[in-house]
Amino acid sequence: MKNLLALLTAPPVLAIPIYIITRAMSMEDGGIIPFGIWVLLILFVITLTIMYIWTVLNGMRHWLVPIQFIAQGGIMSVLAIQTGVHLITWVGVLLILIGLIISGYIAFSKGRASNSNQSILSSYDIFESYPFPACVSDKNGSLISISNGLTQIIGKDKNELFQTKVENLIPPSGKIQFGKKMLYVDQQESKDRTWYAFNEDKINSALFRPEMLIQDTETDIFSKDYCRIRIEEEVMRIKRYKRWGVFMLVKINFIYDNEDESYTNKKSESGFFRLFCIYIKNSLRNCDTVSRVDEFSVIIILPETLSEEPLNGVINKVLGYQDQLSDAMNQLKCKVVLTLSHIFYNASSNDMSFNEILMTLNKSLSVYDNAS
């Protein structure tokens, strides 16, 4: 019934009363509209009518008003010029402008909502397979991701827990009992998220269990153990769905004229490496994964990448650290040399474990000046 009512208000139907009113207000000194303008007007109305009907049938009712404004504004302007009613001409132009403004607002707001949802779902999907009890909340304290390990302990479906306030799940004491298990919570803050890892043993702040941590505590990128999980997951996905991807290793080398200086400059090296990791993480797509795998090395997982062009784009972004971190480099008392290597991986590639991939990448490291 709603669709029928909407179709009965299609642009040609509403154009009838507008035509009658305009003719009733006509003046003798009206203008003459060329035949070509009439043809364009008819095509214009037919096109908007098709769009109107399509939006009705697809449930996109938020587009009906702007389409109607634009259609009736065009009809009103042409008829008003012919009949000499100049006031209605300007009303028609105003309707067109209003329709265009509403259309732009709808397109912009929908695009922002789509990007926001994509970002949340990307985080949710990546974290889903993490085997340990853990969860992630956004800056408002709402859960945006929860691992299978934690849902099994809680005994609830993920859909029930999604967007639940984390304070309803984790008490201020930092420990929570599920059945016979007493779990202690390790909390890590990042720019816009908070990560929670659950452990049966109390975690000392100086003695974290690395396998329980999703993020590397020094760099705020993913940890080596999480990288192992993601690579094994990505290899399985590539094999199963006949997809493709790239595994890239990036290593920072600090070169000193005097080797003894390297022992006294560790803090500066670590500080620079942290800035480098943050730069890399912020330069890549949401679906890419950046993990620390060694003291000054990171692995980048690039899904759906099987050609040199997008890979070179990523390499150029990585090499852009020289411009973005130039001030930090100038404070170092050494030379910074970047080495990279990568592996193209597809469904026909040999099965490789995380250790085999890491070993292959380490063996093929080379210095990159630029990528073309």
Protein backbone atom coordinates (compact mmCIF):
# COMPACT_ATOMS: atom_id res chain seq x y z
CA MET A 1 0.00 0.00 0.00
CA LYS A 2 2.84 2.42 0.85
CA ASN A 3 4.52 1.70 -2.49
CA LEU A 4 1.22 2.31 -4.32
CA LEU A 5 0.72 5.67 -2.61
CA ALA A 6 4.31 6.67 -3.41
CA LEU A 7 3.91 5.70 -7.07
CA LEU A 8 0.72 7.76 -7.33
CA THR A 9 2.81 10.84 -6.45
CA ALA A 10 5.42 10.25 -9.19
CA PRO A 11 6.76 13.44 -10.89
CA PRO A 12 4.39 13.31 -13.94
CA VAL A 13 1.36 13.01 -11.64
CA LEU A 14 2.28 16.03 -9.52
CA ALA A 15 3.16 17.95 -12.70
CA ILE A 16 -0.54 18.00 -13.69
CA PRO A 17 -1.76 20.42 -10.95
CA ILE A 18 1.39 22.52 -11.45
CA TYR A 19 0.55 22.81 -15.15
CA ILE A 20 -3.05 23.79 -14.39
CA ILE A 21 -2.03 26.44 -11.84
CA THR A 22 0.66 27.88 -14.12
CA ARG A 23 -1.73 28.10 -17.08
CA ALA A 24 -4.30 29.83 -14.88
CA MET A 25 -1.73 32.48 -13.96
CA SER A 26 -0.45 32.91 -17.51
CA MET A 27 0.17 36.34 -19.03
CA GLU A 28 -0.03 37.45 -22.63
CA ASP A 29 3.66 38.42 -22.82
CA GLY A 30 4.94 34.93 -22.08
CA GLY A 31 8.06 33.65 -23.78
CA ILE A 32 8.39 31.04 -26.53
CA ILE A 33 10.17 27.83 -25.51
CA PRO A 34 12.12 26.17 -28.34
CA PHE A 35 11.10 22.64 -29.32
CA GLY A 36 14.48 21.28 -28.20
CA ILE A 37 13.93 22.54 -24.66
CA TRP A 38 10.62 20.66 -24.50
CA VAL A 39 12.36 17.47 -25.62
CA LEU A 40 15.04 17.92 -22.94
CA LEU A 41 12.36 18.59 -20.32
CA ILE A 42 10.48 15.41 -21.25
CA LEU A 43 13.68 13.33 -21.10
CA PHE A 44 14.56 15.00 -17.80
CA VAL A 45 11.19 14.13 -16.27
CA ILE A 46 11.26 10.56 -17.63
CA THR A 47 14.73 10.00 -16.12
CA LEU A 48 13.73 11.35 -12.72
CA THR A 49 10.51 9.32 -12.82
CA ILE A 50 12.49 6.13 -13.42
CA MET A 51 14.79 7.04 -10.51
CA TYR A 52 11.73 7.82 -8.37
CA ILE A 53 10.10 4.44 -9.10
CA TRP A 54 13.41 2.61 -8.53
CA THR A 55 13.92 4.24 -5.12
CA VAL A 56 10.33 3.34 -4.13
CA LEU A 57 10.74 -0.31 -5.12
CA ASN A 58 14.10 -0.57 -3.32
CA GLY A 59 12.90 1.05 -0.10
CA MET A 60 15.15 4.12 -0.48
CA ARG A 61 12.43 6.59 0.47
CA HIS A 62 14.88 9.21 1.72
CA TRP A 63 15.59 10.04 -1.97
CA LEU A 64 11.93 10.69 -2.91
CA VAL A 65 11.77 14.28 -1.64
CA PRO A 66 14.92 15.61 -3.41
CA ILE A 67 13.96 13.86 -6.67
CA GLN A 68 10.48 15.38 -6.47
CA PHE A 69 11.89 18.87 -5.75
CA ILE A 70 14.28 18.72 -8.72
CA ALA A 71 11.64 17.34 -11.12
CA GLN A 72 8.89 19.80 -10.19
CA GLY A 73 11.33 22.69 -10.11
CA GLY A 74 12.40 21.96 -13.69
CA ILE A 75 8.81 21.59 -14.88
CA MET A 76 7.70 24.74 -13.07
CA SER A 77 10.57 26.85 -14.48
CA VAL A 78 9.93 25.90 -18.12
CA LEU A 79 6.15 26.33 -17.85
CA ALA A 80 6.54 29.67 -16.07
CA ILE A 81 8.82 31.01 -18.81
CA GLN A 82 6.27 30.03 -21.45
CA THR A 83 3.36 31.60 -19.58
CA GLY A 84 5.27 34.67 -18.45
CA VAL A 85 4.83 34.11 -14.70
CA HIS A 86 8.31 35.16 -13.60
CA LEU A 87 7.65 34.62 -9.88
CA ILE A 88 6.97 30.92 -10.50
CA THR A 89 10.18 30.74 -12.55
CA TRP A 90 12.20 31.74 -9.50
CA VAL A 91 10.20 29.35 -7.31
CA GLY A 92 11.13 26.55 -9.72
CA VAL A 93 14.82 27.45 -9.54
CA LEU A 94 14.58 27.51 -5.74
CA LEU A 95 13.02 24.03 -5.71
CA ILE A 96 15.85 22.68 -7.86
CA LEU A 97 18.48 24.16 -5.53
CA ILE A 98 16.72 22.73 -2.47
CA GLY A 99 16.57 19.30 -4.12
CA LEU A 100 20.27 19.40 -4.96
CA ILE A 101 21.20 20.48 -1.41
CA ILE A 102 19.12 17.67 0.13
CA SER A 103 20.66 15.15 -2.31
CA GLY A 104 24.18 16.25 -1.38
CA TYR A 105 23.41 16.03 2.32
CA ILE A 106 21.97 12.50 1.97
CA ALA A 107 24.93 11.30 -0.10
CA PHE A 108 27.44 12.81 2.35
CA SER A 109 25.75 11.49 5.50
CA LYS A 110 25.30 8.00 4.04
CA GLY A 111 28.95 7.93 2.95
CA ARG A 112 30.13 8.85 6.45
CA ALA A 113 27.90 6.19 8.02
CA SER A 114 29.18 3.58 5.54
CA ASN A 115 32.82 4.39 6.30
CA SER A 116 32.16 4.29 10.05
CA ASN A 117 30.41 0.91 9.84
CA GLN A 118 33.13 -0.47 7.59
CA SER A 119 35.80 0.58 10.08
CA ILE A 120 33.97 -1.05 13.02
CA LEU A 121 33.18 -4.24 11.12
CA SER A 122 36.78 -4.49 9.87
CA SER A 123 38.04 -4.41 13.46
CA TYR A 124 35.34 -6.85 14.52
CA ASP A 125 36.18 -9.40 11.79
CA ILE A 126 39.94 -9.26 12.36
CA PHE A 127 39.64 -9.77 16.11
CA GLU A 128 36.97 -12.46 15.86
CA SER A 129 39.38 -15.41 15.52
CA TYR A 130 41.66 -14.45 18.42
CA PRO A 131 41.83 -17.68 20.49
CA PHE A 132 42.25 -16.17 23.98
CA PRO A 133 39.55 -14.52 26.11
CA ALA A 134 39.68 -10.86 25.10
CA CYS A 135 37.56 -7.94 23.92
CA VAL A 136 37.82 -4.38 22.60
CA SER A 137 35.73 -1.32 23.44
CA ASP A 138 35.45 2.02 21.67
CA LYS A 139 36.11 5.42 23.27
CA ASN A 140 32.56 5.42 24.67
CA GLY A 141 33.11 2.11 26.50
CA SER A 142 30.93 0.01 24.16
CA LEU A 143 32.16 -3.41 23.02
CA ILE A 144 32.99 -3.44 19.31
CA SER A 145 34.80 -6.79 19.23
CA ILE A 146 34.95 -9.92 21.32
CA SER A 147 36.90 -13.13 20.82
CA ASN A 148 35.45 -16.61 20.53
CA GLY A 149 37.43 -17.59 23.62
CA LEU A 150 35.58 -15.04 25.75
CA THR A 151 32.10 -15.73 24.36
CA GLN A 152 32.54 -19.42 25.16
CA ILE A 153 33.37 -18.59 28.77
CA ILE A 154 30.51 -16.11 29.13
CA GLY A 155 28.07 -18.42 27.39
CA LYS A 156 26.43 -15.72 25.28
CA ASP A 157 26.16 -15.06 21.57
CA LYS A 158 28.30 -12.28 20.06
CA ASN A 159 25.22 -10.43 18.87
CA GLU A 160 24.01 -10.16 22.46
CA LEU A 161 27.31 -8.64 23.60
CA PHE A 162 28.01 -6.31 20.68
CA GLN A 163 27.77 -2.62 21.75
CA THR A 164 27.26 -3.69 25.39
CA LYS A 165 28.91 -1.33 27.86
CA VAL A 166 32.17 -2.89 29.02
CA GLU A 167 31.48 -1.71 32.58
CA ASN A 168 28.58 -4.19 32.66
CA LEU A 169 31.01 -7.00 31.91
CA ILE A 170 34.17 -6.03 33.78
CA PRO A 171 33.90 -4.86 37.41
CA PRO A 172 36.16 -2.07 38.76
CA SER A 173 38.16 -4.64 40.74
CA GLY A 174 39.71 -5.90 37.49
CA LYS A 175 38.77 -9.52 38.17
CA ILE A 176 35.70 -11.46 37.17
CA GLN A 177 34.48 -14.97 37.95
CA PHE A 178 32.93 -17.22 35.30
CA GLY A 179 31.82 -20.46 36.91
CA LYS A 180 34.85 -21.91 38.64
CA LYS A 181 37.27 -19.64 36.78
CA MET A 182 38.55 -16.40 38.25
CA LEU A 183 39.92 -14.23 35.45
CA TYR A 184 42.08 -11.15 35.89
CA VAL A 185 41.84 -8.38 33.31
CA ASP A 186 44.79 -6.68 31.62
CA GLN A 187 43.73 -3.35 30.10
CA GLN A 188 45.59 -1.46 27.36
CA GLU A 189 44.65 2.00 26.11
CA SER A 190 45.08 3.14 22.52
CA LYS A 191 44.02 6.32 20.72
CA ASP A 192 40.35 5.42 20.31
CA ARG A 193 40.03 1.90 21.73
CA THR A 194 40.66 -0.04 24.90
CA TRP A 195 41.89 -3.65 24.72
CA TYR A 196 41.09 -6.18 27.46
CA ALA A 197 42.84 -9.55 27.84
CA PHE A 198 41.57 -12.08 30.41
CA ASN A 199 43.96 -14.41 32.23
CA GLU A 200 43.52 -16.97 35.00
CA ASP A 201 46.79 -15.77 36.60
CA LYS A 202 47.17 -12.24 37.91
CA ILE A 203 49.28 -10.26 35.43
CA ASN A 204 52.10 -8.29 36.93
CA SER A 205 52.55 -4.96 35.14
CA ALA A 206 56.23 -5.76 34.54
CA LEU A 207 55.70 -9.40 33.54
CA PHE A 208 53.05 -9.60 30.84
CA ARG A 209 52.32 -12.90 29.15
CA PRO A 210 53.06 -11.95 25.52
CA GLU A 211 50.76 -14.61 24.06
CA MET A 212 47.81 -12.98 25.79
CA LEU A 213 48.43 -9.52 24.34
CA ILE A 214 46.93 -8.41 21.05
CA GLN A 215 48.99 -5.24 20.90
CA ASP A 216 52.70 -4.76 21.36
CA THR A 217 52.97 -2.63 24.50
CA GLU A 218 55.87 -0.49 23.22
CA THR A 219 54.62 0.41 19.72
CA ASP A 220 50.79 0.16 19.89
CA ILE A 221 50.72 -2.08 16.81
CA PHE A 222 49.77 -5.77 16.86
CA SER A 223 52.01 -8.27 18.64
CA LYS A 224 54.05 -11.06 17.07
CA ASP A 225 51.73 -13.77 18.39
CA TYR A 226 48.72 -12.01 16.98
CA CYS A 227 50.59 -11.70 13.67
CA ARG A 228 51.08 -15.49 13.72
CA ILE A 229 47.32 -15.96 14.11
CA ARG A 230 46.50 -13.46 11.35
CA ILE A 231 48.99 -14.93 8.87
CA GLU A 232 47.76 -18.48 9.44
CA GLU A 233 44.19 -17.21 9.05
CA GLU A 234 45.05 -15.27 5.87
CA VAL A 235 46.82 -18.28 4.32
CA MET A 236 43.75 -20.42 4.95
CA ARG A 237 41.46 -17.75 3.50
CA ILE A 238 43.60 -17.39 0.37
CA LYS A 239 43.67 -21.16 -0.18
CA ARG A 240 39.97 -21.67 0.51
CA TYR A 241 38.55 -18.80 -1.53
CA LYS A 242 41.22 -18.70 -4.28
CA ARG A 243 42.28 -15.19 -3.29
CA TRP A 244 45.65 -13.46 -3.05
CA GLY A 245 47.73 -11.27 -0.79
CA VAL A 246 51.19 -9.96 0.11
CA PHE A 247 53.29 -10.50 3.23
CA MET A 248 55.88 -7.75 3.68
CA LEU A 249 58.72 -7.44 6.19
CA VAL A 250 60.10 -4.00 7.05
CA LYS A 251 63.21 -3.65 9.20
CA ILE A 252 64.84 -0.52 10.63
CA ASN A 253 68.62 -0.67 10.90
CA PHE A 254 70.55 1.83 13.02
CA ILE A 255 74.11 2.27 11.69
CA TYR A 256 76.76 3.83 13.99
CA ASP A 257 80.27 4.95 13.21
CA ASN A 258 81.24 3.67 16.64
CA GLU A 259 79.53 0.40 17.64
CA ASP A 260 79.85 1.26 21.35
CA GLU A 261 77.35 4.10 20.85
CA SER A 262 74.57 1.62 20.00
CA TYR A 263 74.54 0.34 23.58
CA THR A 264 73.96 3.80 25.03
CA ASN A 265 71.35 4.89 22.47
CA LYS A 266 68.75 2.11 22.86
CA LYS A 267 66.13 4.42 24.32
CA SER A 268 66.33 6.79 21.36
CA GLU A 269 66.17 3.88 18.93
CA SER A 270 63.07 2.49 20.63
CA GLY A 271 61.41 5.91 20.62
CA PHE A 272 62.08 6.37 16.91
CA PHE A 273 60.85 2.84 16.10
CA ARG A 274 57.60 3.52 17.95
CA LEU A 275 57.01 6.67 15.86
CA PHE A 276 57.83 4.68 12.73
CA CYS A 277 55.30 1.96 13.62
CA ILE A 278 52.56 4.51 14.31
CA TYR A 279 53.30 6.19 10.96
CA ILE A 280 53.06 2.86 9.09
CA LYS A 281 49.82 1.88 10.83
CA ASN A 282 48.19 5.22 10.00
CA SER A 283 49.35 5.12 6.36
CA LEU A 284 47.70 1.81 5.39
CA ARG A 285 44.16 0.57 4.81
CA ASN A 286 41.86 -0.60 7.61
CA CYS A 287 42.05 -4.17 6.27
CA ASP A 288 45.88 -4.24 6.39
CA THR A 289 47.58 -5.62 9.50
CA VAL A 290 50.85 -4.25 10.94
CA SER A 291 52.58 -6.34 13.62
CA ARG A 292 55.90 -6.19 15.43
CA VAL A 293 57.90 -9.41 14.95
CA ASP A 294 61.37 -8.43 16.14
CA GLU A 295 63.15 -5.66 18.01
CA PHE A 296 62.99 -3.28 15.04
CA SER A 297 61.01 -5.28 12.46
CA VAL A 298 57.35 -5.29 11.42
CA ILE A 299 55.31 -7.54 9.17
CA ILE A 300 52.57 -6.02 7.02
CA ILE A 301 49.73 -8.22 5.74
CA LEU A 302 48.15 -6.82 2.56
CA PRO A 303 45.00 -8.77 1.59
CA GLU A 304 43.72 -8.72 -2.01
CA THR A 305 47.06 -7.54 -3.44
CA LEU A 306 48.53 -9.40 -6.43
CA SER A 307 50.26 -6.85 -8.64
CA GLU A 308 53.28 -4.57 -8.52
CA GLU A 309 51.33 -1.31 -8.80
CA PRO A 310 49.47 -1.38 -5.45
CA LEU A 311 52.52 -2.96 -3.79
CA ASN A 312 54.74 -0.13 -5.02
CA GLY A 313 52.19 2.29 -3.63
CA VAL A 314 52.56 0.70 -0.20
CA ILE A 315 56.36 0.70 -0.47
CA ASN A 316 56.32 4.41 -1.33
CA LYS A 317 54.12 5.07 1.69
CA VAL A 318 56.58 3.16 3.90
CA LEU A 319 59.52 5.11 2.45
CA GLY A 320 57.64 8.33 3.19
CA TYR A 321 58.79 7.99 6.80
CA GLN A 322 61.91 9.97 5.83
CA ASP A 323 59.82 13.10 5.30
CA GLN A 324 57.31 12.55 8.09
CA LEU A 325 59.88 11.63 10.76
CA SER A 326 62.74 13.86 9.64
CA ASP A 327 62.85 15.73 12.98
CA ALA A 328 63.09 12.50 14.95
CA MET A 329 65.80 11.19 12.58
CA ASN A 330 67.86 14.33 13.07
CA GLN A 331 67.86 13.75 16.83
CA LEU A 332 69.40 10.29 16.42
CA LYS A 333 73.18 9.97 16.58
CA CYS A 334 73.25 7.39 13.82
CA LYS A 335 72.16 6.64 10.25
CA VAL A 336 68.78 4.99 9.65
CA VAL A 337 68.67 2.36 6.89
CA LEU A 338 65.38 0.71 5.88
CA THR A 339 65.32 -2.82 4.43
CA LEU A 340 62.23 -4.49 2.95
CA SER A 341 61.14 -7.79 1.47
CA HIS A 342 57.82 -9.22 0.35
CA ILE A 343 56.10 -12.40 -0.78
CA PHE A 344 53.21 -12.60 -3.25
CA TYR A 345 50.92 -15.38 -2.03
CA ASN A 346 47.98 -16.93 -3.87
CA ALA A 347 45.97 -20.14 -3.92
CA SER A 348 48.56 -21.97 -6.03
CA SER A 349 51.48 -21.10 -3.71
CA ASN A 350 53.07 -23.78 -1.55
CA ASP A 351 51.72 -24.11 1.98
CA MET A 352 53.84 -22.02 4.33
CA SER A 353 53.73 -21.66 8.10
CA PHE A 354 54.27 -18.37 9.91
CA ASN A 355 57.88 -19.31 10.73
CA GLU A 356 58.58 -20.27 7.11
CA ILE A 357 57.16 -16.99 5.84
CA LEU A 358 59.16 -14.99 8.39
CA MET A 359 62.36 -16.91 7.54
CA THR A 360 61.86 -16.36 3.79
CA LEU A 361 61.24 -12.65 4.31
CA ASN A 362 64.33 -12.26 6.49
CA LYS A 363 66.52 -13.97 3.89
CA SER A 364 65.38 -11.65 1.09
CA LEU A 365 65.66 -8.29 2.89
CA SER A 366 67.17 -5.56 0.74
CA VAL A 367 67.58 -1.77 0.82
CA TYR A 368 64.89 0.26 -0.95
CA ASP A 369 65.48 3.83 -2.06
CA ASN A 370 62.20 4.21 -3.95
CA ALA A 371 59.60 2.19 -5.84
CA SER A 372 58.49 3.00 -9.34
